[in-house]
Full PDB file with SEQRES, HELIX, SHEET, SSBOND, CRYST1, ORIGX, SCALE, CONECT and MASTER records, all heavy atoms in Angstrom:
SEQRES   1 A   36  THR PRO GLY THR THR LYS VAL TYR TRP SER LEU ASN THR          
SEQRES   2 A   36  SER LEU THR TYR GLN PHE ARG ARG THR GLY VAL ALA LEU          
SEQRES   3 A   36  SER TYR ALA HIS GLY VAL ASN GLY GLY SER                      
SHEET    1 AA1 2 LEU A  11  GLN A  18  0                                        
SHEET    2 AA1 2 GLY A  23  HIS A  30 -1                                        
CRYST1    1.000    1.000    1.000  90.00  90.00  90.00 P 1           1          
ORIGX1      1.000000  0.000000  0.000000        0.00000                         
ORIGX2      0.000000  1.000000  0.000000        0.00000                         
ORIGX3      0.000000  0.000000  1.000000        0.00000                         
SCALE1      1.000000  0.000000  0.000000        0.00000                         
SCALE2      0.000000  1.000000  0.000000        0.00000                         
SCALE3      0.000000  0.000000  1.000000        0.00000                         
ATOM      1  N   THR A   1       2.970  29.921   6.326  1.00  0.00           N  
ATOM      2  CA  THR A   1       2.171  29.693   7.530  1.00  0.00           C  
ATOM      3  C   THR A   1       2.458  28.308   8.088  1.00  0.00           C  
ATOM      4  O   THR A   1       2.059  27.308   7.486  1.00  0.00           O  
ATOM      5  CB  THR A   1       0.672  29.812   7.212  1.00  0.00           C  
ATOM      6  OG1 THR A   1       0.423  31.068   6.594  1.00  0.00           O  
ATOM      7  CG2 THR A   1      -0.154  29.680   8.487  1.00  0.00           C  
ATOM      8  N   PRO A   2       3.174  28.221   9.228  1.00  0.00           N  
ATOM      9  CA  PRO A   2       3.431  26.907   9.811  1.00  0.00           C  
ATOM     10  C   PRO A   2       2.149  26.307  10.366  1.00  0.00           C  
ATOM     11  O   PRO A   2       1.216  27.014  10.754  1.00  0.00           O  
ATOM     12  CB  PRO A   2       4.429  27.220  10.925  1.00  0.00           C  
ATOM     13  CG  PRO A   2       4.164  28.644  11.281  1.00  0.00           C  
ATOM     14  CD  PRO A   2       3.755  29.317  10.008  1.00  0.00           C  
ATOM     15  N   GLY A   3       2.104  24.988  10.390  1.00  0.00           N  
ATOM     16  CA  GLY A   3       0.928  24.308  10.898  1.00  0.00           C  
ATOM     17  C   GLY A   3      -0.131  24.157   9.826  1.00  0.00           C  
ATOM     18  O   GLY A   3      -1.106  24.911   9.795  1.00  0.00           O  
ATOM     19  N   THR A   4       0.068  23.238   8.904  1.00  0.00           N  
ATOM     20  CA  THR A   4      -0.836  23.055   7.776  1.00  0.00           C  
ATOM     21  C   THR A   4      -1.420  21.660   7.802  1.00  0.00           C  
ATOM     22  O   THR A   4      -0.720  20.692   8.077  1.00  0.00           O  
ATOM     23  CB  THR A   4      -0.092  23.279   6.447  1.00  0.00           C  
ATOM     24  OG1 THR A   4       0.471  24.592   6.434  1.00  0.00           O  
ATOM     25  CG2 THR A   4      -1.035  23.122   5.265  1.00  0.00           C  
ATOM     26  N   THR A   5      -2.691  21.536   7.484  1.00  0.00           N  
ATOM     27  CA  THR A   5      -3.373  20.243   7.426  1.00  0.00           C  
ATOM     28  C   THR A   5      -3.830  19.974   5.998  1.00  0.00           C  
ATOM     29  O   THR A   5      -4.381  20.861   5.341  1.00  0.00           O  
ATOM     30  CB  THR A   5      -4.578  20.215   8.379  1.00  0.00           C  
ATOM     31  OG1 THR A   5      -4.135  20.457   9.712  1.00  0.00           O  
ATOM     32  CG2 THR A   5      -5.255  18.853   8.335  1.00  0.00           C  
ATOM     33  N   LYS A   6      -3.611  18.750   5.540  1.00  0.00           N  
ATOM     34  CA  LYS A   6      -4.009  18.376   4.193  1.00  0.00           C  
ATOM     35  C   LYS A   6      -4.587  16.969   4.214  1.00  0.00           C  
ATOM     36  O   LYS A   6      -4.153  16.115   4.994  1.00  0.00           O  
ATOM     37  CB  LYS A   6      -2.807  18.443   3.246  1.00  0.00           C  
ATOM     38  CG  LYS A   6      -3.177  18.343   1.776  1.00  0.00           C  
ATOM     39  CD  LYS A   6      -1.987  18.620   0.872  1.00  0.00           C  
ATOM     40  CE  LYS A   6      -2.382  18.561  -0.600  1.00  0.00           C  
ATOM     41  NZ  LYS A   6      -1.226  18.847  -1.489  1.00  0.00           N  
ATOM     42  N   VAL A   7      -5.567  16.711   3.336  1.00  0.00           N  
ATOM     43  CA  VAL A   7      -6.244  15.418   3.290  1.00  0.00           C  
ATOM     44  C   VAL A   7      -5.750  14.641   2.071  1.00  0.00           C  
ATOM     45  O   VAL A   7      -5.763  15.162   0.949  1.00  0.00           O  
ATOM     46  CB  VAL A   7      -7.771  15.580   3.228  1.00  0.00           C  
ATOM     47  CG1 VAL A   7      -8.449  14.214   3.153  1.00  0.00           C  
ATOM     48  CG2 VAL A   7      -8.271  16.354   4.452  1.00  0.00           C  
ATOM     49  N   TYR A   8      -5.324  13.413   2.275  1.00  0.00           N  
ATOM     50  CA  TYR A   8      -4.927  12.500   1.218  1.00  0.00           C  
ATOM     51  C   TYR A   8      -5.864  11.283   1.256  1.00  0.00           C  
ATOM     52  O   TYR A   8      -6.835  11.261   2.004  1.00  0.00           O  
ATOM     53  CB  TYR A   8      -3.478  12.037   1.411  1.00  0.00           C  
ATOM     54  CG  TYR A   8      -2.457  13.153   1.338  1.00  0.00           C  
ATOM     55  CD1 TYR A   8      -2.138  13.895   2.478  1.00  0.00           C  
ATOM     56  CD2 TYR A   8      -1.801  13.440   0.156  1.00  0.00           C  
ATOM     57  CE1 TYR A   8      -1.189  14.916   2.421  1.00  0.00           C  
ATOM     58  CE2 TYR A   8      -0.856  14.446   0.081  1.00  0.00           C  
ATOM     59  CZ  TYR A   8      -0.556  15.186   1.222  1.00  0.00           C  
ATOM     60  OH  TYR A   8       0.379  16.192   1.163  1.00  0.00           O  
ATOM     61  N   TRP A   9      -5.541  10.284   0.459  1.00  0.00           N  
ATOM     62  CA  TRP A   9      -6.276   9.016   0.529  1.00  0.00           C  
ATOM     63  C   TRP A   9      -5.277   7.886   0.714  1.00  0.00           C  
ATOM     64  O   TRP A   9      -4.131   7.970   0.266  1.00  0.00           O  
ATOM     65  CB  TRP A   9      -7.132   8.781  -0.715  1.00  0.00           C  
ATOM     66  CG  TRP A   9      -6.363   8.694  -2.011  1.00  0.00           C  
ATOM     67  CD1 TRP A   9      -5.945   9.727  -2.802  1.00  0.00           C  
ATOM     68  CD2 TRP A   9      -5.907   7.493  -2.655  1.00  0.00           C  
ATOM     69  NE1 TRP A   9      -5.258   9.264  -3.896  1.00  0.00           N  
ATOM     70  CE2 TRP A   9      -5.225   7.891  -3.840  1.00  0.00           C  
ATOM     71  CE3 TRP A   9      -6.021   6.135  -2.357  1.00  0.00           C  
ATOM     72  CZ2 TRP A   9      -4.660   6.973  -4.716  1.00  0.00           C  
ATOM     73  CZ3 TRP A   9      -5.450   5.218  -3.234  1.00  0.00           C  
ATOM     74  CH2 TRP A   9      -4.782   5.639  -4.399  1.00  0.00           C  
ATOM     75  N   SER A  10      -5.681   6.860   1.391  1.00  0.00           N  
ATOM     76  CA  SER A  10      -4.793   5.728   1.667  1.00  0.00           C  
ATOM     77  C   SER A  10      -5.451   4.436   1.213  1.00  0.00           C  
ATOM     78  O   SER A  10      -6.681   4.283   1.273  1.00  0.00           O  
ATOM     79  CB  SER A  10      -4.457   5.646   3.165  1.00  0.00           C  
ATOM     80  OG  SER A  10      -5.598   5.329   3.928  1.00  0.00           O  
ATOM     81  N   LEU A  11      -4.607   3.524   0.740  1.00  0.00           N  
ATOM     82  CA  LEU A  11      -5.074   2.212   0.293  1.00  0.00           C  
ATOM     83  C   LEU A  11      -3.976   1.200   0.544  1.00  0.00           C  
ATOM     84  O   LEU A  11      -2.796   1.464   0.275  1.00  0.00           O  
ATOM     85  CB  LEU A  11      -5.418   2.240  -1.207  1.00  0.00           C  
ATOM     86  CG  LEU A  11      -5.787   0.899  -1.861  1.00  0.00           C  
ATOM     87  CD1 LEU A  11      -7.077   0.360  -1.274  1.00  0.00           C  
ATOM     88  CD2 LEU A  11      -5.899   1.050  -3.371  1.00  0.00           C  
ATOM     89  N   ASN A  12      -4.351   0.066   1.066  1.00  0.00           N  
ATOM     90  CA  ASN A  12      -3.404  -1.017   1.312  1.00  0.00           C  
ATOM     91  C   ASN A  12      -4.100  -2.341   0.974  1.00  0.00           C  
ATOM     92  O   ASN A  12      -5.123  -2.661   1.583  1.00  0.00           O  
ATOM     93  CB  ASN A  12      -2.942  -1.013   2.771  1.00  0.00           C  
ATOM     94  CG  ASN A  12      -1.694  -1.856   2.984  1.00  0.00           C  
ATOM     95  OD1 ASN A  12      -1.278  -2.582   2.084  1.00  0.00           O  
ATOM     96  ND2 ASN A  12      -1.112  -1.772   4.160  1.00  0.00           N  
ATOM     97  N   THR A  13      -3.568  -3.068   0.005  1.00  0.00           N  
ATOM     98  CA  THR A  13      -4.197  -4.320  -0.393  1.00  0.00           C  
ATOM     99  C   THR A  13      -3.138  -5.349  -0.737  1.00  0.00           C  
ATOM    100  O   THR A  13      -2.040  -5.006  -1.184  1.00  0.00           O  
ATOM    101  CB  THR A  13      -5.132  -4.093  -1.598  1.00  0.00           C  
ATOM    102  OG1 THR A  13      -5.774  -5.320  -1.937  1.00  0.00           O  
ATOM    103  CG2 THR A  13      -4.356  -3.584  -2.808  1.00  0.00           C  
ATOM    104  N   SER A  14      -3.460  -6.608  -0.528  1.00  0.00           N  
ATOM    105  CA  SER A  14      -2.532  -7.695  -0.843  1.00  0.00           C  
ATOM    106  C   SER A  14      -3.329  -8.940  -1.219  1.00  0.00           C  
ATOM    107  O   SER A  14      -4.449  -9.149  -0.739  1.00  0.00           O  
ATOM    108  CB  SER A  14      -1.609  -7.999   0.337  1.00  0.00           C  
ATOM    109  OG  SER A  14      -2.338  -8.483   1.444  1.00  0.00           O  
ATOM    110  N   LEU A  15      -2.735  -9.753  -2.079  1.00  0.00           N  
ATOM    111  CA  LEU A  15      -3.350 -10.996  -2.539  1.00  0.00           C  
ATOM    112  C   LEU A  15      -2.281 -12.076  -2.600  1.00  0.00           C  
ATOM    113  O   LEU A  15      -1.200 -11.862  -3.169  1.00  0.00           O  
ATOM    114  CB  LEU A  15      -3.982 -10.813  -3.922  1.00  0.00           C  
ATOM    115  CG  LEU A  15      -4.425 -12.090  -4.643  1.00  0.00           C  
ATOM    116  CD1 LEU A  15      -5.609 -12.728  -3.907  1.00  0.00           C  
ATOM    117  CD2 LEU A  15      -4.784 -11.804  -6.103  1.00  0.00           C  
ATOM    118  N   THR A  16      -2.572 -13.223  -2.017  1.00  0.00           N  
ATOM    119  CA  THR A  16      -1.703 -14.392  -2.094  1.00  0.00           C  
ATOM    120  C   THR A  16      -2.547 -15.575  -2.544  1.00  0.00           C  
ATOM    121  O   THR A  16      -3.618 -15.823  -1.979  1.00  0.00           O  
ATOM    122  CB  THR A  16      -1.064 -14.712  -0.733  1.00  0.00           C  
ATOM    123  OG1 THR A  16      -0.360 -13.571  -0.254  1.00  0.00           O  
ATOM    124  CG2 THR A  16      -0.092 -15.866  -0.853  1.00  0.00           C  
ATOM    125  N   TYR A  17      -2.068 -16.273  -3.575  1.00  0.00           N  
ATOM    126  CA  TYR A  17      -2.826 -17.421  -4.088  1.00  0.00           C  
ATOM    127  C   TYR A  17      -1.850 -18.554  -4.381  1.00  0.00           C  
ATOM    128  O   TYR A  17      -0.788 -18.345  -4.968  1.00  0.00           O  
ATOM    129  CB  TYR A  17      -3.591 -17.054  -5.365  1.00  0.00           C  
ATOM    130  CG  TYR A  17      -4.642 -18.075  -5.726  1.00  0.00           C  
ATOM    131  CD1 TYR A  17      -5.914 -18.001  -5.189  1.00  0.00           C  
ATOM    132  CD2 TYR A  17      -4.345 -19.131  -6.585  1.00  0.00           C  
ATOM    133  CE1 TYR A  17      -6.893 -18.942  -5.510  1.00  0.00           C  
ATOM    134  CE2 TYR A  17      -5.310 -20.077  -6.908  1.00  0.00           C  
ATOM    135  CZ  TYR A  17      -6.580 -19.983  -6.365  1.00  0.00           C  
ATOM    136  OH  TYR A  17      -7.529 -20.912  -6.665  1.00  0.00           O  
ATOM    137  N   GLN A  18      -2.232 -19.750  -3.948  1.00  0.00           N  
ATOM    138  CA  GLN A  18      -1.396 -20.926  -4.111  1.00  0.00           C  
ATOM    139  C   GLN A  18      -2.096 -21.969  -4.977  1.00  0.00           C  
ATOM    140  O   GLN A  18      -3.166 -22.462  -4.617  1.00  0.00           O  
ATOM    141  CB  GLN A  18      -1.061 -21.540  -2.749  1.00  0.00           C  
ATOM    142  CG  GLN A  18      -0.158 -22.754  -2.812  1.00  0.00           C  
ATOM    143  CD  GLN A  18       1.266 -22.399  -3.227  1.00  0.00           C  
ATOM    144  OE1 GLN A  18       1.756 -21.328  -2.899  1.00  0.00           O  
ATOM    145  NE2 GLN A  18       1.920 -23.289  -3.954  1.00  0.00           N  
ATOM    146  N   PHE A  19      -1.511 -22.229  -6.157  1.00  0.00           N  
ATOM    147  CA  PHE A  19      -1.969 -23.341  -6.976  1.00  0.00           C  
ATOM    148  C   PHE A  19      -1.239 -24.601  -6.516  1.00  0.00           C  
ATOM    149  O   PHE A  19      -0.525 -24.593  -5.519  1.00  0.00           O  
ATOM    150  CB  PHE A  19      -1.680 -23.058  -8.460  1.00  0.00           C  
ATOM    151  CG  PHE A  19      -2.367 -21.832  -8.991  1.00  0.00           C  
ATOM    152  CD1 PHE A  19      -1.731 -20.603  -8.957  1.00  0.00           C  
ATOM    153  CD2 PHE A  19      -3.636 -21.904  -9.518  1.00  0.00           C  
ATOM    154  CE1 PHE A  19      -2.342 -19.465  -9.444  1.00  0.00           C  
ATOM    155  CE2 PHE A  19      -4.277 -20.770 -10.011  1.00  0.00           C  
ATOM    156  CZ  PHE A  19      -3.628 -19.549  -9.969  1.00  0.00           C  
ATOM    157  N   ARG A  20      -1.408 -25.668  -7.260  1.00  0.00           N  
ATOM    158  CA  ARG A  20      -0.759 -26.916  -6.866  1.00  0.00           C  
ATOM    159  C   ARG A  20       0.761 -26.807  -6.959  1.00  0.00           C  
ATOM    160  O   ARG A  20       1.470 -27.232  -6.058  1.00  0.00           O  
ATOM    161  CB  ARG A  20      -1.265 -28.073  -7.746  1.00  0.00           C  
ATOM    162  CG  ARG A  20      -0.692 -29.440  -7.354  1.00  0.00           C  
ATOM    163  CD  ARG A  20      -1.317 -30.559  -8.159  1.00  0.00           C  
ATOM    164  NE  ARG A  20      -0.744 -31.850  -7.796  1.00  0.00           N  
ATOM    165  CZ  ARG A  20       0.330 -32.364  -8.339  1.00  0.00           C  
ATOM    166  NH1 ARG A  20       0.979 -31.701  -9.296  1.00  0.00           N  
ATOM    167  NH2 ARG A  20       0.795 -33.543  -7.953  1.00  0.00           N  
ATOM    168  N   ARG A  21       1.271 -26.233  -8.040  1.00  0.00           N  
ATOM    169  CA  ARG A  21       2.713 -26.137  -8.245  1.00  0.00           C  
ATOM    170  C   ARG A  21       3.196 -24.702  -8.418  1.00  0.00           C  
ATOM    171  O   ARG A  21       4.378 -24.470  -8.657  1.00  0.00           O  
ATOM    172  CB  ARG A  21       3.119 -26.954  -9.483  1.00  0.00           C  
ATOM    173  CG  ARG A  21       2.791 -28.437  -9.396  1.00  0.00           C  
ATOM    174  CD  ARG A  21       3.018 -29.140 -10.721  1.00  0.00           C  
ATOM    175  NE  ARG A  21       4.429 -29.144 -11.084  1.00  0.00           N  
ATOM    176  CZ  ARG A  21       5.300 -30.093 -10.718  1.00  0.00           C  
ATOM    177  NH1 ARG A  21       4.892 -31.096  -9.955  1.00  0.00           N  
ATOM    178  NH2 ARG A  21       6.547 -30.038 -11.095  1.00  0.00           N  
ATOM    179  N   THR A  22       2.272 -23.751  -8.312  1.00  0.00           N  
ATOM    180  CA  THR A  22       2.617 -22.352  -8.545  1.00  0.00           C  
ATOM    181  C   THR A  22       2.026 -21.486  -7.444  1.00  0.00           C  
ATOM    182  O   THR A  22       0.894 -21.709  -7.009  1.00  0.00           O  
ATOM    183  CB  THR A  22       2.086 -21.875  -9.916  1.00  0.00           C  
ATOM    184  OG1 THR A  22       2.599 -22.704 -10.949  1.00  0.00           O  
ATOM    185  CG2 THR A  22       2.484 -20.438 -10.185  1.00  0.00           C  
ATOM    186  N   GLY A  23       2.794 -20.502  -7.012  1.00  0.00           N  
ATOM    187  CA  GLY A  23       2.316 -19.553  -6.016  1.00  0.00           C  
ATOM    188  C   GLY A  23       2.547 -18.131  -6.498  1.00  0.00           C  
ATOM    189  O   GLY A  23       3.566 -17.830  -7.116  1.00  0.00           O  
ATOM    190  N   VAL A  24       1.580 -17.249  -6.235  1.00  0.00           N  
ATOM    191  CA  VAL A  24       1.707 -15.853  -6.615  1.00  0.00           C  
ATOM    192  C   VAL A  24       1.335 -14.973  -5.424  1.00  0.00           C  
ATOM    193  O   VAL A  24       0.521 -15.359  -4.570  1.00  0.00           O  
ATOM    194  CB  VAL A  24       0.804 -15.498  -7.825  1.00  0.00           C  
ATOM    195  CG1 VAL A  24       1.247 -16.255  -9.063  1.00  0.00           C  
ATOM    196  CG2 VAL A  24      -0.664 -15.789  -7.515  1.00  0.00           C  
ATOM    197  N   ALA A  25       1.956 -13.783  -5.376  1.00  0.00           N  
ATOM    198  CA  ALA A  25       1.655 -12.815  -4.328  1.00  0.00           C  
ATOM    199  C   ALA A  25       1.785 -11.422  -4.911  1.00  0.00           C  
ATOM    200  O   ALA A  25       2.778 -11.120  -5.581  1.00  0.00           O  
ATOM    201  CB  ALA A  25       2.598 -12.986  -3.138  1.00  0.00           C  
ATOM    202  N   LEU A  26       0.787 -10.571  -4.647  1.00  0.00           N  
ATOM    203  CA  LEU A  26       0.757  -9.202  -5.144  1.00  0.00           C  
ATOM    204  C   LEU A  26       0.345  -8.278  -4.007  1.00  0.00           C  
ATOM    205  O   LEU A  26      -0.442  -8.650  -3.142  1.00  0.00           O  
ATOM    206  CB  LEU A  26      -0.241  -9.049  -6.300  1.00  0.00           C  
ATOM    207  CG  LEU A  26       0.022  -9.850  -7.579  1.00  0.00           C  
ATOM    208  CD1 LEU A  26      -1.195  -9.773  -8.498  1.00  0.00           C  
ATOM    209  CD2 LEU A  26       1.271  -9.335  -8.297  1.00  0.00           C  
ATOM    210  N   SER A  27       0.889  -7.063  -4.016  1.00  0.00           N  
ATOM    211  CA  SER A  27       0.495  -6.080  -3.015  1.00  0.00           C  
ATOM    212  C   SER A  27       0.620  -4.675  -3.591  1.00  0.00           C  
ATOM    213  O   SER A  27       1.442  -4.425  -4.489  1.00  0.00           O  
ATOM    214  CB  SER A  27       1.357  -6.205  -1.756  1.00  0.00           C  
ATOM    215  OG  SER A  27       2.689  -5.800  -2.009  1.00  0.00           O  
ATOM    216  N   TYR A  28      -0.216  -3.768  -3.074  1.00  0.00           N  
ATOM    217  CA  TYR A  28      -0.172  -2.358  -3.484  1.00  0.00           C  
ATOM    218  C   TYR A  28      -0.519  -1.502  -2.274  1.00  0.00           C  
ATOM    219  O   TYR A  28      -1.428  -1.834  -1.499  1.00  0.00           O  
ATOM    220  CB  TYR A  28      -1.159  -2.081  -4.615  1.00  0.00           C  
ATOM    221  CG  TYR A  28      -1.322  -0.600  -4.897  1.00  0.00           C  
ATOM    222  CD1 TYR A  28      -0.297   0.130  -5.500  1.00  0.00           C  
ATOM    223  CD2 TYR A  28      -2.497   0.069  -4.545  1.00  0.00           C  
ATOM    224  CE1 TYR A  28      -0.436   1.485  -5.753  1.00  0.00           C  
ATOM    225  CE2 TYR A  28      -2.648   1.429  -4.799  1.00  0.00           C  
ATOM    226  CZ  TYR A  28      -1.613   2.127  -5.399  1.00  0.00           C  
ATOM    227  OH  TYR A  28      -1.749   3.470  -5.639  1.00  0.00           O  
ATOM    228  N   ALA A  29       0.211  -0.390  -2.122  1.00  0.00           N  
ATOM    229  CA  ALA A  29      -0.042   0.535  -1.031  1.00  0.00           C  
ATOM    230  C   ALA A  29       0.105   1.963  -1.528  1.00  0.00           C  
ATOM    231  O   ALA A  29       0.997   2.262  -2.331  1.00  0.00           O  
ATOM    232  CB  ALA A  29       0.914   0.284   0.136  1.00  0.00           C  
ATOM    233  N   HIS A  30      -0.770   2.833  -1.053  1.00  0.00           N  
ATOM    234  CA  HIS A  30      -0.689   4.256  -1.365  1.00  0.00           C  
ATOM    235  C   HIS A  30      -0.930   5.038  -0.086  1.00  0.00           C  
ATOM    236  O   HIS A  30      -1.825   4.711   0.702  1.00  0.00           O  
ATOM    237  CB  HIS A  30      -1.735   4.649  -2.405  1.00  0.00           C  
ATOM    238  CG  HIS A  30      -1.771   6.137  -2.674  1.00  0.00           C  
ATOM    239  ND1 HIS A  30      -1.008   6.743  -3.640  1.00  0.00           N  
ATOM    240  CD2 HIS A  30      -2.471   7.133  -2.068  1.00  0.00           C  
ATOM    241  CE1 HIS A  30      -1.226   8.031  -3.637  1.00  0.00           C  
ATOM    242  NE2 HIS A  30      -2.114   8.309  -2.686  1.00  0.00           N  
ATOM    243  N   GLY A  31      -0.128   6.085   0.123  1.00  0.00           N  
ATOM    244  CA  GLY A  31      -0.298   6.927   1.294  1.00  0.00           C  
ATOM    245  C   GLY A  31       0.967   7.693   1.603  1.00  0.00           C  
ATOM    246  O   GLY A  31       1.943   7.681   0.832  1.00  0.00           O  
ATOM    247  N   VAL A  32       0.965   8.351   2.741  1.00  0.00           N  
ATOM    248  CA  VAL A  32       2.100   9.153   3.178  1.00  0.00           C  
ATOM    249  C   VAL A  32       3.102   8.255   3.879  1.00  0.00           C  
ATOM    250  O   VAL A  32       2.729   7.391   4.687  1.00  0.00           O  
ATOM    251  CB  VAL A  32       1.629  10.280   4.117  1.00  0.00           C  
ATOM    252  CG1 VAL A  32       2.807  11.013   4.732  1.00  0.00           C  
ATOM    253  CG2 VAL A  32       0.735  11.258   3.359  1.00  0.00           C  
ATOM    254  N   ASN A  33       4.407   8.442   3.568  1.00  0.00           N  
ATOM    255  CA  ASN A  33       5.457   7.669   4.214  1.00  0.00           C  
ATOM    256  C   ASN A  33       6.587   8.587   4.662  1.00  0.00           C  
ATOM    257  O   ASN A  33       6.527   9.802   4.469  1.00  0.00           O  
ATOM    258  CB  ASN A  33       5.974   6.561   3.277  1.00  0.00           C  
ATOM    259  CG  ASN A  33       6.584   7.108   1.995  1.00  0.00           C  
ATOM    260  OD1 ASN A  33       7.506   7.921   2.020  1.00  0.00           O  
ATOM    261  ND2 ASN A  33       6.067   6.660   0.851  1.00  0.00           N  
ATOM    262  N   GLY A  34       7.629   8.008   5.251  1.00  0.00           N  
ATOM    263  CA  GLY A  34       8.701   8.795   5.844  1.00  0.00           C  
ATOM    264  C   GLY A  34       9.663   9.423   4.863  1.00  0.00           C  
ATOM    265  O   GLY A  34      10.454  10.298   5.252  1.00  0.00           O  
ATOM    266  N   GLY A  35       9.673   9.009   3.602  1.00  0.00           N  
ATOM    267  CA  GLY A  35      10.538   9.638   2.609  1.00  0.00           C  
ATOM    268  C   GLY A  35      11.849   8.953   2.340  1.00  0.00           C  
ATOM    269  O   GLY A  35      12.695   9.487   1.621  1.00  0.00           O  
ATOM    270  N   SER A  36      12.102   7.780   2.920  1.00  0.00           N  
ATOM    271  CA  SER A  36      13.281   6.946   2.615  1.00  0.00           C  
ATOM    272  C   SER A  36      14.602   7.634   2.913  1.00  0.00           C  
ATOM    273  O   SER A  36      15.636   7.282   2.341  1.00  0.00           O  
ATOM    274  CB  SER A  36      13.253   6.510   1.141  1.00  0.00           C  
ATOM    275  OG  SER A  36      12.074   5.823   0.824  1.00  0.00           O  
TER     276      SER A  36                                                      
MASTER        0    0    0    0    2    0    0    6  275    1    0    3          
END                                                                             
C-alpha cells in the first residue's frame, strides 16, 4: 500500500564546555535522515 505514515521520535542535543586549559564538546542526534 503506497502512502504510509509512521511516527518516530527525534532528539538533538549538544554540550560545549571550556576549562582554563581544556575544552570539550559532545553532541547526540536521533531521527530520520537521508540515508548517506
